[in-house]
Amino acid sequence: MALQEEMEVQGNFLFRYRGVLPLIILVFGLAVFIFNKYGGTPLSEMGWEENYYFICFGVCIFGLLIRMYTVGHTPKNTSGRNTSEGQVADEVNTTGIYSAVRHPLYVGNFFMWLGIGMLTQDFWFCMAFTFLYWVYYERIMYAEEQFLRKKFGAVYTDWAETAPAFIPSFKNWKSPKLPFSIKKVLYKEKAGILWVFVTFYAFVLIGNYIETGEFALIQGFWLNALIAAIAYYIIVKVTNMATGFFNEEGR
C-alpha cells in the first residue's frame, strides 16, 4: 500500500477511536504523577502545588473555550462525526475560527489534554504527550482532509490554501456565518466539562492520599466544582431527553 493510502487508512481507523487517546494520557499520566509524588515533587515541598493546579486548570479552560467558540458557530454535520459509516460533512466550514485554522477542535483538545498532562509535574511526560498527539492527530487530520477534498473539490482546496492546518493565522479572518448558539455549546460540551473536573479531582484525591496516607474527600473548590459539573451534566441531559430544549434546527 502506498504511503498516502496507508496514512488515510490509519487516519480513518484512529478517527473512529479518537476517544482512546485521553484514556491513554490519563492512565500513564496518573502513573507518572504517583511515581513523582512518592519521590517528593518540588512544588509539593515548596507548598506551590495548589497554585500549580490552577495553572493547569487555566490551560484546560483555554482549550475548552476554543472548543466552545468553534462548536457555537458551526452548523450541523460539519465538524466530523463518529458514525458506523465513517465521516460525515454536509458543507465545509470556512468562516469564523475555521478561516484562521482548519482543525480548531483539535487545537482545543490539545490544550485541554496538555493541562491534564501538566498535572504530572513532569516535563518529559508533557513532551512525550505532545509528540504522541502530533503523530496521532496528523493521521486523523490527513484522513479528514482527504475526505473533504474528494467530496468538495475546489471549495476545500481553495480554503485550505488560506487557512493553516493547526497553528492559527488570523490574516484572512472572516466573521462567522452563523450566530453563536449557547444551547448547542451547553449540550455538546457537557461531557468535556465533566471530564475535566473528574480528572482534576482524581489527581487531588490521589495526591492527598500519597501525602497523608488517608483516603478522604477533599473539601473546597475542586469538590464544589465537580458537584456543579455533575449537576450541570445531569440537568442538561435529562432536560433535553424530556423536552428537546437544546435541539436547534440546522445546528
Protein backbone atom coordinates (compact mmCIF):
# COMPACT_ATOMS: atom_id res chain seq x y z
CA MET A 1 0.00 0.00 0.00
CA ALA A 2 1.35 3.44 -0.94
CA LEU A 3 2.19 5.76 1.96
CA GLN A 4 -0.61 8.17 1.00
CA GLU A 5 -3.26 5.45 1.17
CA GLU A 6 -1.68 3.94 4.29
CA MET A 7 -1.90 7.24 6.17
CA GLU A 8 -5.52 7.65 5.10
CA VAL A 9 -6.41 4.14 6.30
CA GLN A 10 -4.62 4.74 9.61
CA GLY A 11 -6.32 8.11 9.97
CA ASN A 12 -9.81 6.69 9.39
CA PHE A 13 -9.14 3.97 11.96
CA LEU A 14 -7.85 6.45 14.54
CA PHE A 15 -10.76 8.80 13.80
CA ARG A 16 -13.24 6.14 14.87
CA TYR A 17 -11.32 5.51 18.10
CA ARG A 18 -10.03 9.02 18.79
CA GLY A 19 -11.62 8.93 22.25
CA VAL A 20 -8.96 6.39 23.28
CA LEU A 21 -6.14 8.96 23.43
CA PRO A 22 -7.47 10.78 26.52
CA LEU A 23 -7.65 7.45 28.36
CA ILE A 24 -4.05 6.64 27.44
CA ILE A 25 -2.94 10.07 28.63
CA LEU A 26 -4.90 9.69 31.86
CA VAL A 27 -3.59 6.21 32.72
CA PHE A 28 0.06 6.99 32.01
CA GLY A 29 -0.28 10.47 33.48
CA LEU A 30 -1.59 9.11 36.76
CA ALA A 31 1.23 6.57 36.86
CA VAL A 32 3.86 9.28 36.34
CA PHE A 33 2.13 11.54 38.87
CA ILE A 34 2.09 8.79 41.52
CA PHE A 35 5.74 7.92 40.87
CA ASN A 36 6.82 11.55 41.14
CA LYS A 37 4.60 12.17 44.15
CA TYR A 38 6.18 9.36 46.14
CA GLY A 39 9.56 10.83 45.26
CA GLY A 40 8.50 14.23 46.57
CA THR A 41 7.78 16.83 43.89
CA PRO A 42 9.49 20.23 44.23
CA LEU A 43 6.15 22.04 44.01
CA SER A 44 4.70 19.98 46.84
CA GLU A 45 7.73 20.56 49.04
CA MET A 46 7.56 24.32 48.42
CA GLY A 47 3.81 24.47 49.02
CA TRP A 48 3.05 25.69 45.48
CA GLU A 49 1.13 22.65 44.29
CA GLU A 50 -2.37 24.11 44.72
CA ASN A 51 -1.45 27.20 42.70
CA TYR A 52 0.08 24.97 40.04
CA TYR A 53 -3.20 23.03 39.78
CA PHE A 54 -4.94 26.27 38.87
CA ILE A 55 -2.35 26.98 36.17
CA CYS A 56 -3.04 23.54 34.69
CA PHE A 57 -6.75 24.22 35.01
CA GLY A 58 -6.30 27.50 33.13
CA VAL A 59 -4.65 25.65 30.24
CA CYS A 60 -7.59 23.21 30.15
CA ILE A 61 -10.13 26.03 30.20
CA PHE A 62 -8.29 27.79 27.36
CA GLY A 63 -8.68 24.67 25.24
CA LEU A 64 -12.31 24.29 26.29
CA LEU A 65 -13.06 27.89 25.30
CA ILE A 66 -11.59 27.24 21.85
CA ARG A 67 -13.88 24.24 21.50
CA MET A 68 -16.90 26.20 22.75
CA TYR A 69 -16.33 29.04 20.31
CA THR A 70 -15.90 26.59 17.46
CA VAL A 71 -18.95 24.48 18.27
CA GLY A 72 -21.12 27.53 18.93
CA HIS A 73 -20.78 28.85 15.39
CA THR A 74 -20.95 25.62 13.38
CA PRO A 75 -23.96 24.21 11.52
CA LYS A 76 -24.98 20.58 11.78
CA ASN A 77 -22.73 17.86 10.31
CA THR A 78 -19.63 19.89 9.53
CA SER A 79 -17.12 19.15 12.29
CA GLY A 80 -16.65 15.42 11.82
CA ARG A 81 -18.94 12.74 13.18
CA ASN A 82 -18.04 9.34 14.58
CA THR A 83 -20.51 7.10 12.76
CA SER A 84 -20.53 3.49 11.61
CA GLU A 85 -20.37 4.74 8.02
CA GLY A 86 -17.34 6.91 8.72
CA GLN A 87 -17.02 10.67 8.42
CA VAL A 88 -19.95 12.96 7.65
CA ALA A 89 -19.88 16.55 6.36
CA ASP A 90 -22.67 18.44 4.60
CA GLU A 91 -20.54 21.52 3.94
CA VAL A 92 -17.08 22.95 4.54
CA ASN A 93 -16.71 25.46 7.38
CA THR A 94 -14.72 28.40 6.02
CA THR A 95 -15.77 31.28 8.27
CA GLY A 96 -15.15 32.24 11.87
CA ILE A 97 -12.37 30.31 13.54
CA TYR A 98 -12.23 28.00 10.51
CA SER A 99 -10.91 30.93 8.48
CA ALA A 100 -7.93 31.02 10.86
CA VAL A 101 -7.23 27.29 11.29
CA ARG A 102 -8.58 24.16 9.61
CA HIS A 103 -8.79 21.98 12.74
CA PRO A 104 -9.79 24.25 15.65
CA LEU A 105 -11.42 21.44 17.64
CA TYR A 106 -8.13 19.55 17.72
CA VAL A 107 -6.31 22.73 18.76
CA GLY A 108 -8.76 22.99 21.65
CA ASN A 109 -8.33 19.32 22.51
CA PHE A 110 -4.56 19.74 22.60
CA PHE A 111 -4.68 22.43 25.28
CA MET A 112 -7.33 20.58 27.30
CA TRP A 113 -5.22 17.44 27.39
CA LEU A 114 -1.97 19.34 27.84
CA GLY A 115 -3.44 20.84 31.01
CA ILE A 116 -4.12 17.31 32.26
CA GLY A 117 -0.62 16.20 31.29
CA MET A 118 0.88 19.13 33.18
CA LEU A 119 -0.66 17.80 36.39
CA THR A 120 2.07 15.15 36.41
CA GLN A 121 4.62 17.93 37.04
CA ASP A 122 6.88 16.07 34.64
CA PHE A 123 8.44 17.97 31.72
CA TRP A 124 9.33 14.86 29.74
CA PHE A 125 5.84 13.43 30.05
CA CYS A 126 4.46 16.65 28.56
CA MET A 127 6.98 16.42 25.72
CA ALA A 128 6.04 12.78 25.08
CA PHE A 129 2.36 13.72 25.09
CA THR A 130 2.95 16.49 22.55
CA PHE A 131 4.80 14.09 20.24
CA LEU A 132 2.11 11.41 20.61
CA TYR A 133 -0.63 13.95 19.93
CA TRP A 134 1.15 15.13 16.80
CA VAL A 135 1.61 11.60 15.39
CA TYR A 136 -1.92 10.54 16.37
CA TYR A 137 -3.79 13.55 15.05
CA GLU A 138 -1.63 14.14 11.99
CA ARG A 139 -3.12 10.97 10.55
CA ILE A 140 -6.65 11.84 11.62
CA MET A 141 -6.38 15.30 10.06
CA TYR A 142 -4.94 13.80 6.89
CA ALA A 143 -7.85 11.36 6.58
CA GLU A 144 -10.40 14.10 7.24
CA GLU A 145 -8.85 16.35 4.63
CA GLN A 146 -8.77 13.56 2.06
CA PHE A 147 -12.49 13.02 2.70
CA LEU A 148 -13.24 16.73 2.30
CA ARG A 149 -11.04 17.04 -0.80
CA LYS A 150 -12.85 14.17 -2.52
CA LYS A 151 -16.32 15.42 -1.58
CA PHE A 152 -15.97 19.18 -2.07
CA GLY A 153 -13.08 19.55 -4.52
CA ALA A 154 -12.05 23.14 -5.25
CA VAL A 155 -14.19 24.52 -2.42
CA TYR A 156 -11.98 22.66 0.02
CA THR A 157 -8.62 23.23 -1.70
CA ASP A 158 -9.22 26.99 -2.10
CA TRP A 159 -9.99 27.25 1.61
CA ALA A 160 -7.02 25.06 2.59
CA GLU A 161 -4.65 27.42 0.78
CA THR A 162 -5.60 30.28 3.10
CA ALA A 163 -6.17 28.53 6.46
CA PRO A 164 -3.29 26.72 8.25
CA ALA A 165 -3.86 23.17 9.46
CA PHE A 166 -3.08 23.60 13.16
CA ILE A 167 -1.30 26.84 14.10
CA PRO A 168 -3.84 29.67 13.66
CA SER A 169 -3.28 32.68 11.41
CA PHE A 170 -5.82 35.50 11.57
CA LYS A 171 -4.73 37.46 8.50
CA ASN A 172 -7.61 36.02 6.42
CA TRP A 173 -10.23 36.20 9.16
CA LYS A 174 -13.89 36.06 8.11
CA SER A 175 -16.73 36.65 10.54
CA PRO A 176 -18.78 33.54 11.40
CA LYS A 177 -21.66 32.79 9.04
CA LEU A 178 -23.95 31.69 11.87
CA PRO A 179 -24.63 33.38 15.23
CA PHE A 180 -23.27 31.83 18.39
CA SER A 181 -25.56 29.10 19.78
CA ILE A 182 -25.28 28.85 23.55
CA LYS A 183 -27.74 25.94 23.52
CA LYS A 184 -25.51 23.89 21.25
CA VAL A 185 -22.43 24.63 23.35
CA LEU A 186 -24.15 23.73 26.62
CA TYR A 187 -25.34 20.43 25.18
CA LYS A 188 -22.33 19.37 23.11
CA GLU A 189 -19.63 20.27 25.63
CA LYS A 190 -21.26 18.87 28.78
CA ALA A 191 -19.21 15.65 28.72
CA GLY A 192 -15.94 17.51 28.17
CA ILE A 193 -16.61 19.85 31.07
CA LEU A 194 -17.47 16.95 33.37
CA TRP A 195 -14.37 15.02 32.26
CA VAL A 196 -12.09 17.95 33.16
CA PHE A 197 -13.39 18.24 36.72
CA VAL A 198 -13.49 14.48 37.32
CA THR A 199 -9.87 14.22 36.21
CA PHE A 200 -8.64 17.14 38.29
CA TYR A 201 -10.40 15.88 41.39
CA ALA A 202 -8.94 12.40 40.86
CA PHE A 203 -5.43 13.90 40.87
CA VAL A 204 -6.25 15.90 44.01
CA LEU A 205 -7.56 12.82 45.84
CA ILE A 206 -4.63 10.61 44.85
CA GLY A 207 -2.10 13.31 45.71
CA ASN A 208 -3.66 13.81 49.14
CA TYR A 209 -3.69 10.05 49.79
CA ILE A 210 0.01 9.77 48.99
CA GLU A 211 0.82 12.72 51.27
CA THR A 212 -1.37 11.75 54.24
CA GLY A 213 -1.93 8.01 53.88
CA GLU A 214 -5.66 8.59 54.28
CA PHE A 215 -8.36 8.46 51.62
CA ALA A 216 -10.87 11.23 52.30
CA LEU A 217 -12.97 13.68 50.31
CA ILE A 218 -11.14 16.98 49.97
CA GLN A 219 -13.44 19.91 50.61
CA GLY A 220 -13.05 23.16 48.73
CA PHE A 221 -13.03 24.42 45.17
CA TRP A 222 -12.35 21.14 43.38
CA LEU A 223 -15.12 19.20 45.12
CA ASN A 224 -17.62 22.02 44.69
CA ALA A 225 -16.71 22.37 41.02
CA LEU A 226 -17.07 18.62 40.48
CA ILE A 227 -20.51 18.57 42.12
CA ALA A 228 -21.57 21.53 39.95
CA ALA A 229 -20.27 19.80 36.80
CA ILE A 230 -22.16 16.59 37.64
CA ALA A 231 -25.36 18.55 38.31
CA TYR A 232 -24.93 20.50 35.06
CA TYR A 233 -24.42 17.31 33.06
CA ILE A 234 -27.49 15.60 34.53
CA ILE A 235 -29.75 18.65 34.18
CA VAL A 236 -28.81 19.25 30.54
CA LYS A 237 -29.05 15.55 29.64
CA VAL A 238 -32.42 14.97 31.33
CA THR A 239 -33.90 18.26 30.13
CA ASN A 240 -33.05 17.55 26.52
CA MET A 241 -34.35 13.98 26.73
CA ALA A 242 -37.63 15.19 28.20
CA THR A 243 -38.22 18.36 26.19
CA GLY A 244 -35.66 18.62 23.38
CA PHE A 245 -34.89 22.12 24.67
CA PHE A 246 -31.31 22.14 23.41
CA ASN A 247 -32.16 20.93 19.89
CA GLU A 248 -31.96 23.61 17.21
CA GLU A 249 -32.83 23.25 13.53
CA GLY A 250 -29.68 23.00 11.43
CA ARG A 251 -27.38 23.22 14.46
